[in-house]
Amino acid sequence: MPLPDLLDEIRACRACAAELAHEPRPVVRVSSATRLLICGQAPGGRVHESGLPFDDPSGERLRQWMGIDRETFYGRAEIGVAAMAFCFPGTDPRGGDYPPMRRCAELWRSRLLAALPNVELTLLVGSYAQAWALKGRTRVTMTETVRAWRDYLPAFLPLPHPSWRNTSWLKKNPWFDDEVTPFLRARVKDIIG
């Protein structure tokens, strides 16, 4: 199926409507030119409202890690975003958002990835994306998986979630900024020219 038709189907999906407290709004931003794919968990509430992936403080931190500005992030066809789940799963009263709904990845992930043959590097943002893409090759913890980032190249680069909730993680793991961020910036520069 041509990518534009598949994206139309994804954006029209209502498979999880009965389980959500709000109208589904699938958010995915890819093109046939996508070479760098960002795979996060699921859109947050702010992204649900705007329809733009990573249109929140997490996106600001992610763009900082990547060494690019907002205009480049949204303006370059080489950069695509397709989370594990395309719809905002809702907010957990205990804090944070609910996990991504599995049905979304089961319905769409393989078909979408097959329609993106030019992807050179996938950023696996957070443990849900890492578990799905690395299929049993993750380490015991997300920290250990990210620390072993070289083992997953050239196809994947595991990252922590750029949420403000991980600020203390970043302080406890300065090797991330010392090792991973410079590599990521160099790869992004290579990919987008």
N, C-alpha and C. Protein backbone atom coordinates (compact mmCIF):
# COMPACT_ATOMS: atom_id res chain seq x y z
N MET A 1 0.85 -1.19 0.00
CA MET A 1 0.00 0.00 0.00
C MET A 1 0.88 1.24 0.00
N PRO A 2 0.58 2.20 -0.83
CA PRO A 2 1.37 3.44 -0.85
C PRO A 2 1.29 4.15 0.52
N LEU A 3 2.41 4.78 0.89
CA LEU A 3 2.48 5.44 2.20
C LEU A 3 1.36 6.46 2.43
N PRO A 4 1.02 7.32 1.48
CA PRO A 4 -0.07 8.28 1.73
C PRO A 4 -1.40 7.59 2.09
N ASP A 5 -1.70 6.48 1.43
CA ASP A 5 -2.93 5.74 1.74
C ASP A 5 -2.87 5.13 3.13
N LEU A 6 -1.71 4.58 3.49
CA LEU A 6 -1.54 4.00 4.82
C LEU A 6 -1.67 5.07 5.89
N LEU A 7 -1.09 6.24 5.67
CA LEU A 7 -1.21 7.33 6.64
C LEU A 7 -2.66 7.78 6.78
N ASP A 8 -3.40 7.81 5.69
CA ASP A 8 -4.83 8.14 5.77
C ASP A 8 -5.57 7.13 6.64
N GLU A 9 -5.25 5.85 6.48
CA GLU A 9 -5.88 4.80 7.30
C GLU A 9 -5.52 4.97 8.77
N ILE A 10 -4.25 5.23 9.03
CA ILE A 10 -3.82 5.41 10.42
C ILE A 10 -4.54 6.60 11.05
N ARG A 11 -4.59 7.69 10.35
CA ARG A 11 -5.21 8.90 10.92
C ARG A 11 -6.71 8.75 11.11
N ALA A 12 -7.31 7.82 10.39
CA ALA A 12 -8.75 7.56 10.53
C ALA A 12 -9.04 6.46 11.56
N CYS A 13 -8.01 5.84 12.11
CA CYS A 13 -8.19 4.71 13.02
C CYS A 13 -8.95 5.12 14.29
N ARG A 14 -9.89 4.27 14.67
CA ARG A 14 -10.66 4.47 15.90
C ARG A 14 -10.72 3.16 16.69
N ALA A 15 -9.74 2.29 16.49
CA ALA A 15 -9.74 0.96 17.11
C ALA A 15 -9.78 1.00 18.63
N CYS A 16 -9.22 2.03 19.22
CA CYS A 16 -9.17 2.12 20.68
C CYS A 16 -10.18 3.11 21.25
N ALA A 17 -11.09 3.59 20.44
CA ALA A 17 -12.03 4.64 20.87
C ALA A 17 -12.80 4.28 22.13
N ALA A 18 -13.22 3.03 22.25
CA ALA A 18 -14.02 2.63 23.41
C ALA A 18 -13.21 2.63 24.70
N GLU A 19 -11.89 2.61 24.59
CA GLU A 19 -11.03 2.55 25.78
C GLU A 19 -10.44 3.90 26.16
N LEU A 20 -10.68 4.91 25.36
CA LEU A 20 -10.14 6.24 25.63
C LEU A 20 -11.22 7.14 26.19
N ALA A 21 -10.82 8.07 27.03
CA ALA A 21 -11.76 9.03 27.61
C ALA A 21 -11.93 10.26 26.72
N HIS A 22 -11.32 10.23 25.55
CA HIS A 22 -11.36 11.36 24.62
C HIS A 22 -11.41 10.81 23.19
N GLU A 23 -11.71 11.67 22.26
CA GLU A 23 -11.75 11.28 20.85
C GLU A 23 -10.33 10.92 20.39
N PRO A 24 -10.16 9.78 19.73
CA PRO A 24 -8.83 9.43 19.22
C PRO A 24 -8.36 10.49 18.21
N ARG A 25 -7.06 10.76 18.28
CA ARG A 25 -6.43 11.64 17.30
C ARG A 25 -5.04 11.09 17.01
N PRO A 26 -4.94 10.14 16.09
CA PRO A 26 -3.64 9.57 15.78
C PRO A 26 -2.66 10.64 15.27
N VAL A 27 -1.49 10.65 15.87
CA VAL A 27 -0.45 11.60 15.50
C VAL A 27 0.75 10.82 14.98
N VAL A 28 1.05 11.01 13.72
CA VAL A 28 2.21 10.38 13.08
C VAL A 28 2.71 11.35 12.02
N ARG A 29 4.01 11.46 11.90
CA ARG A 29 4.56 12.43 10.94
C ARG A 29 5.77 11.78 10.25
N VAL A 30 5.52 11.18 9.11
CA VAL A 30 6.57 10.54 8.34
C VAL A 30 6.32 10.82 6.86
N SER A 31 7.33 10.55 6.05
CA SER A 31 7.19 10.66 4.60
C SER A 31 8.09 9.62 3.96
N SER A 32 7.98 9.49 2.66
CA SER A 32 8.84 8.53 1.95
C SER A 32 10.30 8.94 2.03
N ALA A 33 10.57 10.19 2.39
CA ALA A 33 11.95 10.67 2.52
C ALA A 33 12.52 10.46 3.92
N THR A 34 11.74 9.92 4.84
CA THR A 34 12.20 9.75 6.23
C THR A 34 13.43 8.86 6.27
N ARG A 35 14.49 9.40 6.87
CA ARG A 35 15.74 8.65 7.06
C ARG A 35 16.06 8.48 8.53
N LEU A 36 15.57 9.40 9.35
CA LEU A 36 15.74 9.34 10.81
C LEU A 36 14.34 9.23 11.41
N LEU A 37 14.05 8.09 12.02
CA LEU A 37 12.73 7.86 12.59
C LEU A 37 12.81 7.94 14.11
N ILE A 38 11.94 8.73 14.69
CA ILE A 38 11.88 8.87 16.14
C ILE A 38 10.68 8.08 16.63
N CYS A 39 10.97 7.11 17.47
CA CYS A 39 9.92 6.25 18.00
C CYS A 39 9.84 6.43 19.51
N GLY A 40 8.82 7.14 19.95
CA GLY A 40 8.61 7.35 21.38
C GLY A 40 7.52 6.42 21.89
N GLN A 41 6.93 6.83 22.99
CA GLN A 41 5.92 6.02 23.67
C GLN A 41 4.54 6.24 23.05
N ALA A 42 4.02 7.43 23.23
CA ALA A 42 2.71 7.82 22.71
C ALA A 42 2.61 9.34 22.86
N PRO A 43 1.75 9.98 22.09
CA PRO A 43 1.59 11.42 22.26
C PRO A 43 1.10 11.77 23.67
N GLY A 44 1.56 12.89 24.18
CA GLY A 44 1.04 13.41 25.44
C GLY A 44 -0.18 14.27 25.18
N GLY A 45 -0.73 14.82 26.24
CA GLY A 45 -1.93 15.64 26.12
C GLY A 45 -1.75 16.86 25.24
N ARG A 46 -0.61 17.50 25.37
CA ARG A 46 -0.35 18.70 24.56
C ARG A 46 -0.24 18.35 23.08
N VAL A 47 0.41 17.23 22.79
CA VAL A 47 0.54 16.78 21.40
C VAL A 47 -0.83 16.37 20.85
N HIS A 48 -1.65 15.76 21.70
CA HIS A 48 -3.01 15.40 21.29
C HIS A 48 -3.76 16.65 20.82
N GLU A 49 -3.58 17.74 21.53
CA GLU A 49 -4.28 18.99 21.18
C GLU A 49 -3.72 19.61 19.90
N SER A 50 -2.41 19.65 19.76
CA SER A 50 -1.79 20.34 18.62
C SER A 50 -1.71 19.49 17.36
N GLY A 51 -1.59 18.17 17.54
CA GLY A 51 -1.41 17.29 16.39
C GLY A 51 0.02 17.22 15.90
N LEU A 52 0.94 17.88 16.59
CA LEU A 52 2.36 17.87 16.22
C LEU A 52 3.13 17.00 17.21
N PRO A 53 3.86 15.99 16.75
CA PRO A 53 4.62 15.15 17.67
C PRO A 53 5.73 15.95 18.36
N PHE A 54 5.93 15.66 19.62
CA PHE A 54 6.97 16.31 20.44
C PHE A 54 6.79 17.82 20.48
N ASP A 55 5.56 18.28 20.48
CA ASP A 55 5.23 19.70 20.58
C ASP A 55 5.02 20.05 22.04
N ASP A 56 6.07 19.84 22.84
CA ASP A 56 5.98 20.02 24.29
C ASP A 56 7.40 20.15 24.84
N PRO A 57 7.55 20.33 26.14
CA PRO A 57 8.91 20.45 26.71
C PRO A 57 9.79 19.23 26.42
N SER A 58 9.21 18.04 26.34
CA SER A 58 10.00 16.86 25.98
C SER A 58 10.61 17.03 24.59
N GLY A 59 9.83 17.59 23.69
CA GLY A 59 10.33 17.84 22.34
C GLY A 59 11.47 18.85 22.32
N GLU A 60 11.37 19.85 23.20
CA GLU A 60 12.45 20.83 23.27
C GLU A 60 13.75 20.15 23.70
N ARG A 61 13.65 19.29 24.70
CA ARG A 61 14.85 18.58 25.16
C ARG A 61 15.36 17.63 24.09
N LEU A 62 14.47 16.91 23.41
CA LEU A 62 14.88 16.00 22.34
C LEU A 62 15.60 16.76 21.23
N ARG A 63 15.06 17.90 20.83
CA ARG A 63 15.70 18.69 19.78
C ARG A 63 17.07 19.19 20.24
N GLN A 64 17.19 19.50 21.52
CA GLN A 64 18.50 19.91 22.07
C GLN A 64 19.49 18.75 21.95
N TRP A 65 19.06 17.55 22.33
CA TRP A 65 19.94 16.38 22.19
C TRP A 65 20.35 16.18 20.74
N MET A 66 19.42 16.43 19.82
CA MET A 66 19.68 16.22 18.39
C MET A 66 20.51 17.34 17.77
N GLY A 67 20.58 18.48 18.46
CA GLY A 67 21.33 19.62 17.95
C GLY A 67 20.62 20.36 16.83
N ILE A 68 19.29 20.36 16.85
CA ILE A 68 18.52 21.05 15.82
C ILE A 68 17.45 21.93 16.46
N ASP A 69 16.94 22.86 15.68
CA ASP A 69 15.88 23.73 16.18
C ASP A 69 14.51 23.20 15.76
N ARG A 70 13.48 23.85 16.25
CA ARG A 70 12.11 23.45 15.97
C ARG A 70 11.80 23.47 14.47
N GLU A 71 12.27 24.50 13.79
CA GLU A 71 12.00 24.64 12.36
C GLU A 71 12.60 23.46 11.58
N THR A 72 13.80 23.05 11.94
CA THR A 72 14.44 21.91 11.28
C THR A 72 13.70 20.63 11.60
N PHE A 73 13.33 20.46 12.86
CA PHE A 73 12.65 19.25 13.31
C PHE A 73 11.36 19.00 12.52
N TYR A 74 10.57 20.05 12.35
CA TYR A 74 9.30 19.90 11.65
C TYR A 74 9.40 20.16 10.16
N GLY A 75 10.48 20.80 9.72
CA GLY A 75 10.57 21.19 8.32
C GLY A 75 11.35 20.27 7.42
N ARG A 76 12.04 19.31 7.98
CA ARG A 76 12.87 18.42 7.17
C ARG A 76 12.18 17.08 6.99
N ALA A 77 11.96 16.67 5.76
CA ALA A 77 11.27 15.42 5.45
C ALA A 77 12.09 14.20 5.88
N GLU A 78 13.39 14.39 6.07
CA GLU A 78 14.23 13.27 6.49
C GLU A 78 13.95 12.83 7.93
N ILE A 79 13.30 13.70 8.70
CA ILE A 79 13.00 13.41 10.11
C ILE A 79 11.54 13.02 10.22
N GLY A 80 11.28 11.83 10.75
CA GLY A 80 9.92 11.35 10.94
C GLY A 80 9.68 10.94 12.38
N VAL A 81 8.42 10.97 12.78
CA VAL A 81 8.05 10.57 14.13
C VAL A 81 6.87 9.61 14.05
N ALA A 82 7.06 8.44 14.65
CA ALA A 82 5.99 7.45 14.72
C ALA A 82 6.14 6.72 16.06
N ALA A 83 5.34 7.11 17.02
CA ALA A 83 5.42 6.53 18.36
C ALA A 83 4.88 5.10 18.37
N MET A 84 5.04 4.42 19.49
CA MET A 84 4.51 3.07 19.63
C MET A 84 2.99 3.06 19.51
N ALA A 85 2.36 4.08 20.05
CA ALA A 85 0.92 4.27 19.90
C ALA A 85 0.71 5.68 19.36
N PHE A 86 -0.22 5.82 18.45
CA PHE A 86 -0.41 7.11 17.79
C PHE A 86 -1.37 8.03 18.52
N CYS A 87 -2.11 7.50 19.48
CA CYS A 87 -3.08 8.32 20.21
C CYS A 87 -2.66 8.51 21.66
N PHE A 88 -3.00 9.66 22.20
CA PHE A 88 -2.78 9.96 23.62
C PHE A 88 -3.57 8.94 24.44
N PRO A 89 -2.89 8.19 25.33
CA PRO A 89 -3.58 7.16 26.09
C PRO A 89 -4.35 7.67 27.31
N GLY A 90 -4.16 8.93 27.66
CA GLY A 90 -4.80 9.49 28.84
C GLY A 90 -3.81 9.62 29.99
N THR A 91 -4.23 10.37 31.00
CA THR A 91 -3.37 10.64 32.14
C THR A 91 -3.74 9.74 33.31
N ASP A 92 -2.74 9.10 33.85
CA ASP A 92 -2.90 8.24 35.02
C ASP A 92 -3.06 9.13 36.25
N PRO A 93 -4.11 8.94 37.06
CA PRO A 93 -4.30 9.78 38.25
C PRO A 93 -3.12 9.71 39.23
N ARG A 94 -2.33 8.64 39.15
CA ARG A 94 -1.16 8.51 40.03
C ARG A 94 0.04 9.30 39.52
N GLY A 95 -0.09 9.88 38.32
CA GLY A 95 0.99 10.68 37.75
C GLY A 95 1.46 10.12 36.42
N GLY A 96 1.78 11.01 35.50
CA GLY A 96 2.23 10.60 34.18
C GLY A 96 1.07 10.14 33.32
N ASP A 97 1.40 9.72 32.12
CA ASP A 97 0.40 9.21 31.19
C ASP A 97 0.33 7.69 31.30
N TYR A 98 -0.79 7.15 30.86
CA TYR A 98 -0.91 5.70 30.78
C TYR A 98 0.09 5.17 29.75
N PRO A 99 0.43 3.90 29.82
CA PRO A 99 1.32 3.32 28.81
C PRO A 99 0.65 3.35 27.43
N PRO A 100 1.46 3.24 26.38
CA PRO A 100 0.88 3.19 25.03
C PRO A 100 0.01 1.95 24.88
N MET A 101 -1.04 2.09 24.12
CA MET A 101 -1.94 0.96 23.91
C MET A 101 -1.30 -0.01 22.92
N ARG A 102 -1.18 -1.27 23.31
CA ARG A 102 -0.50 -2.29 22.49
C ARG A 102 -1.17 -2.49 21.14
N ARG A 103 -2.47 -2.37 21.12
CA ARG A 103 -3.21 -2.62 19.89
C ARG A 103 -2.68 -1.76 18.73
N CYS A 104 -2.29 -0.55 19.04
CA CYS A 104 -1.84 0.36 17.99
C CYS A 104 -0.61 -0.20 17.28
N ALA A 105 0.39 -0.60 18.04
CA ALA A 105 1.60 -1.18 17.42
C ALA A 105 1.26 -2.46 16.68
N GLU A 106 0.39 -3.27 17.25
CA GLU A 106 0.01 -4.53 16.60
C GLU A 106 -0.70 -4.29 15.27
N LEU A 107 -1.52 -3.26 15.22
CA LEU A 107 -2.26 -2.95 13.99
C LEU A 107 -1.39 -2.29 12.91
N TRP A 108 -0.51 -1.40 13.33
CA TRP A 108 0.10 -0.50 12.36
C TRP A 108 1.61 -0.57 12.21
N ARG A 109 2.32 -0.96 13.24
CA ARG A 109 3.78 -0.77 13.25
C ARG A 109 4.50 -1.46 12.09
N SER A 110 4.25 -2.74 11.90
CA SER A 110 4.96 -3.47 10.84
C SER A 110 4.66 -2.90 9.46
N ARG A 111 3.40 -2.58 9.22
CA ARG A 111 3.02 -2.01 7.92
C ARG A 111 3.67 -0.66 7.68
N LEU A 112 3.70 0.16 8.73
CA LEU A 112 4.29 1.49 8.58
C LEU A 112 5.79 1.39 8.34
N LEU A 113 6.47 0.57 9.11
CA LEU A 113 7.93 0.44 8.93
C LEU A 113 8.26 -0.11 7.55
N ALA A 114 7.45 -1.02 7.05
CA ALA A 114 7.67 -1.56 5.71
C ALA A 114 7.52 -0.49 4.62
N ALA A 115 6.74 0.53 4.92
CA ALA A 115 6.51 1.61 3.96
C ALA A 115 7.55 2.73 4.07
N LEU A 116 8.54 2.53 4.96
CA LEU A 116 9.59 3.54 5.16
C LEU A 116 10.96 2.91 4.88
N PRO A 117 11.25 2.59 3.63
CA PRO A 117 12.47 1.85 3.31
C PRO A 117 13.77 2.65 3.43
N ASN A 118 13.68 3.96 3.58
CA ASN A 118 14.89 4.78 3.63
C ASN A 118 15.38 5.09 5.03
N VAL A 119 14.73 4.54 6.05
CA VAL A 119 15.13 4.82 7.43
C VAL A 119 16.51 4.21 7.68
N GLU A 120 17.43 5.06 8.12
CA GLU A 120 18.80 4.64 8.43
C GLU A 120 19.00 4.44 9.92
N LEU A 121 18.31 5.26 10.72
CA LEU A 121 18.48 5.22 12.17
C LEU A 121 17.14 5.47 12.83
N THR A 122 16.81 4.65 13.82
CA THR A 122 15.59 4.85 14.61
C THR A 122 15.99 5.17 16.04
N LEU A 123 15.52 6.32 16.52
CA LEU A 123 15.74 6.69 17.91
C LEU A 123 14.65 6.03 18.74
N LEU A 124 15.05 5.16 19.66
CA LEU A 124 14.11 4.45 20.51
C LEU A 124 14.01 5.21 21.82
N VAL A 125 12.98 6.02 21.93
CA VAL A 125 12.83 6.95 23.04
C VAL A 125 12.00 6.31 24.15
N GLY A 126 12.68 5.82 25.18
CA GLY A 126 12.01 5.21 26.32
C GLY A 126 11.91 3.70 26.21
N SER A 127 11.56 3.09 27.32
CA SER A 127 11.60 1.63 27.44
C SER A 127 10.57 0.90 26.58
N TYR A 128 9.40 1.48 26.35
CA TYR A 128 8.39 0.80 25.53
C TYR A 128 8.89 0.63 24.10
N ALA A 129 9.44 1.69 23.53
CA ALA A 129 9.96 1.62 22.17
C ALA A 129 11.15 0.67 22.10
N GLN A 130 11.98 0.70 23.12
CA GLN A 130 13.15 -0.18 23.14
C GLN A 130 12.73 -1.64 23.21
N ALA A 131 11.78 -1.95 24.06
CA ALA A 131 11.33 -3.34 24.21
C ALA A 131 10.74 -3.87 22.90
N TRP A 132 9.94 -3.04 22.22
CA TRP A 132 9.31 -3.49 20.99
C TRP A 132 10.34 -3.69 19.87
N ALA A 133 11.18 -2.70 19.67
CA ALA A 133 12.11 -2.75 18.53
C ALA A 133 13.26 -3.71 18.74
N LEU A 134 13.72 -3.85 19.96
CA LEU A 134 14.90 -4.68 20.22
C LEU A 134 14.54 -6.13 20.52
N LYS A 135 13.28 -6.43 20.64
CA LYS A 135 12.77 -7.81 20.74
C LYS A 135 13.63 -8.74 21.60
N GLY A 136 13.70 -8.47 22.90
CA GLY A 136 14.43 -9.35 23.81
C GLY A 136 15.91 -9.06 23.92
N ARG A 137 16.39 -8.06 23.20
CA ARG A 137 17.81 -7.71 23.28
C ARG A 137 18.08 -6.56 24.24
N THR A 138 17.04 -6.07 24.93
CA THR A 138 17.25 -5.00 25.90
C THR A 138 17.99 -5.56 27.11
N ARG A 139 18.59 -4.67 27.85
CA ARG A 139 19.24 -5.05 29.10
C ARG A 139 18.17 -5.08 30.20
N VAL A 140 18.58 -5.34 31.41
CA VAL A 140 17.63 -5.48 32.53
C VAL A 140 16.87 -4.17 32.79
N THR A 141 17.57 -3.05 32.67
CA THR A 141 16.93 -1.75 32.90
C THR A 141 17.09 -0.86 31.67
N MET A 142 16.27 0.17 31.62
CA MET A 142 16.39 1.14 30.53
C MET A 142 17.76 1.80 30.58
N THR A 143 18.26 2.11 31.77
CA THR A 143 19.58 2.73 31.90
C THR A 143 20.66 1.85 31.28
N GLU A 144 20.60 0.56 31.57
CA GLU A 144 21.60 -0.36 31.02
C GLU A 144 21.47 -0.46 29.50
N THR A 145 20.25 -0.43 29.00
CA THR A 145 20.04 -0.48 27.55
C THR A 145 20.64 0.76 26.89
N VAL A 146 20.36 1.93 27.45
CA VAL A 146 20.90 3.16 26.89
C VAL A 146 22.42 3.17 27.01
N ARG A 147 22.95 2.69 28.13
CA ARG A 147 24.41 2.66 28.32
C ARG A 147 25.08 1.76 27.27
N ALA A 148 24.37 0.74 26.81
CA ALA A 148 24.90 -0.18 25.79
C ALA A 148 24.54 0.27 24.37
N TRP A 149 24.31 1.56 24.17
CA TRP A 149 23.82 2.10 22.92
C TRP A 149 24.61 1.67 21.70
N ARG A 150 25.90 1.52 21.83
CA ARG A 150 26.73 1.13 20.69
C ARG A 150 26.36 -0.26 20.15
N ASP A 151 25.85 -1.12 21.03
CA ASP A 151 25.49 -2.49 20.64
C ASP A 151 24.31 -2.54 19.68
N TYR A 152 23.55 -1.46 19.59
CA TYR A 152 22.32 -1.47 18.77
C TYR A 152 22.49 -0.72 17.45
N LEU A 153 23.64 -0.13 17.26
CA LEU A 153 23.92 0.57 16.01
C LEU A 153 24.21 -0.43 14.91
N PRO A 154 24.00 -0.09 13.67
CA PRO A 154 23.68 1.23 13.15
C PRO A 154 22.18 1.52 13.04
N ALA A 155 21.33 0.51 13.28
CA ALA A 155 19.90 0.70 13.03
C ALA A 155 19.18 1.46 14.14
N PHE A 156 19.60 1.25 15.39
CA PHE A 156 18.85 1.81 16.53
C PHE A 156 19.76 2.57 17.48
N LEU A 157 19.19 3.60 18.09
CA LEU A 157 19.87 4.32 19.16
C LEU A 157 18.87 4.48 20.30
N PRO A 158 19.05 3.71 21.39
CA PRO A 158 18.13 3.84 22.53
C PRO A 158 18.43 5.11 23.32
N LEU A 159 17.37 5.81 23.70
CA LEU A 159 17.48 7.05 24.47
C LEU A 159 16.52 6.99 25.65
N PRO A 160 16.82 7.72 26.72
CA PRO A 160 15.81 7.86 27.77
C PRO A 160 14.71 8.78 27.23
N HIS A 161 13.58 8.78 27.90
CA HIS A 161 12.55 9.73 27.49
C HIS A 161 13.02 11.13 27.86
N PRO A 162 12.85 12.12 27.00
CA PRO A 162 13.31 13.48 27.30
C PRO A 162 12.41 14.26 28.24
N SER A 163 11.51 13.60 28.92
CA SER A 163 10.58 14.26 29.85
C SER A 163 11.33 14.93 31.00
N TRP A 164 10.70 15.96 31.54
CA TRP A 164 11.26 16.61 32.73
C TRP A 164 11.36 15.62 33.89
N ARG A 165 10.55 14.57 33.86
CA ARG A 165 10.61 13.55 34.91
C ARG A 165 11.96 12.84 34.94
N ASN A 166 12.71 12.91 33.84
CA ASN A 166 14.01 12.25 33.77
C ASN A 166 15.18 13.19 34.01
N THR A 167 14.92 14.38 34.51
CA THR A 167 16.00 15.33 34.79
C THR A 167 16.98 14.74 35.80
N SER A 168 16.47 14.09 36.83
CA SER A 168 17.38 13.50 37.82
C SER A 168 18.18 12.34 37.21
N TRP A 169 17.55 11.59 36.29
CA TRP A 169 18.27 10.51 35.61
C TRP A 169 19.46 11.08 34.84
N LEU A 170 19.24 12.18 34.14
CA LEU A 170 20.31 12.81 33.36
C LEU A 170 21.44 13.28 34.27
N LYS A 171 21.10 13.79 35.45
CA LYS A 171 22.13 14.24 36.39
C LYS A 171 22.93 13.05 36.95
N LYS A 172 22.26 11.93 37.14
CA LYS A 172 22.94 10.73 37.67
C LYS A 172 23.75 10.00 36.61
N ASN A 173 23.49 10.29 35.36
CA ASN A 173 24.14 9.59 34.24
C ASN A 173 24.79 10.58 33.28
N PRO A 174 25.84 11.28 33.74
CA PRO A 174 26.47 12.30 32.88
C PRO A 174 27.10 11.72 31.62
N TRP A 175 27.36 10.43 31.59
CA TRP A 175 27.91 9.79 30.39
C TRP A 175 26.97 9.97 29.20
N PHE A 176 25.66 10.12 29.47
CA PHE A 176 24.72 10.29 28.36
C PHE A 176 25.05 11.56 27.57
N ASP A 177 25.22 12.68 28.27
CA ASP A 177 25.56 13.93 27.59
C ASP A 177 26.98 13.91 27.03
N ASP A 178 27.87 13.18 27.69
CA ASP A 178 29.26 13.12 27.24
C ASP A 178 29.46 12.23 26.02
N GLU A 179 28.70 11.13 25.93
CA GLU A 179 28.92 10.15 24.88
C GLU A 179 27.80 10.10 23.83
N VAL A 180 26.57 9.96 24.31
CA VAL A 180 25.46 9.71 23.39
C VAL A 180 25.05 10.97 22.63
N THR A 181 24.93 12.08 23.34
CA THR A 181 24.48 13.31 22.68
C THR A 181 25.40 13.74 21.54
N PRO A 182 26.72 13.75 21.72
CA PRO A 182 27.58 14.12 20.58
C PRO A 182 27.44 13.17 19.39
N PHE A 183 27.31 11.87 19.67
CA PHE A 183 27.11 10.92 18.58
C PHE A 183 25.80 11.21 17.86
N LEU A 184 24.73 11.43 18.63
CA LEU A 184 23.42 11.70 18.04
C LEU A 184 23.47 12.95 17.17
N ARG A 185 24.08 14.00 17.66
CA ARG A 185 24.17 15.24 16.88
C ARG A 185 24.92 15.03 15.57
N ALA A 186 26.00 14.27 15.62
CA ALA A 186 26.77 14.00 14.41
C ALA A 186 25.95 13.19 13.41
N ARG A 187 25.21 12.19 13.89
CA ARG A 187 24.38 11.37 12.98
C ARG A 187 23.26 12.19 12.38
N VAL A 188 22.62 13.03 13.19
CA VAL A 188 21.56 13.89 12.67
C VAL A 188 22.11 14.79 11.57
N LYS A 189 23.26 15.36 11.83
CA LYS A 189 23.90 16.24 10.83
C LYS A 189 24.20 15.46 9.55
N ASP A 190 24.70 14.24 9.68
CA ASP A 190 24.97 13.41 8.50
C ASP A 190 23.70 13.12 7.72
N ILE A 191 22.64 12.81 8.44
CA ILE A 191 21.39 12.39 7.80
C ILE A 191 20.68 13.53 7.09
N ILE A 192 20.65 14.69 7.73
CA ILE A 192 19.92 15.80 7.11
C ILE A 192 20.81 16.72 6.29
N GLY A 193 22.12 16.44 6.31
CA GLY A 193 23.04 17.19 5.45
C GLY A 193 23.29 18.59 5.93
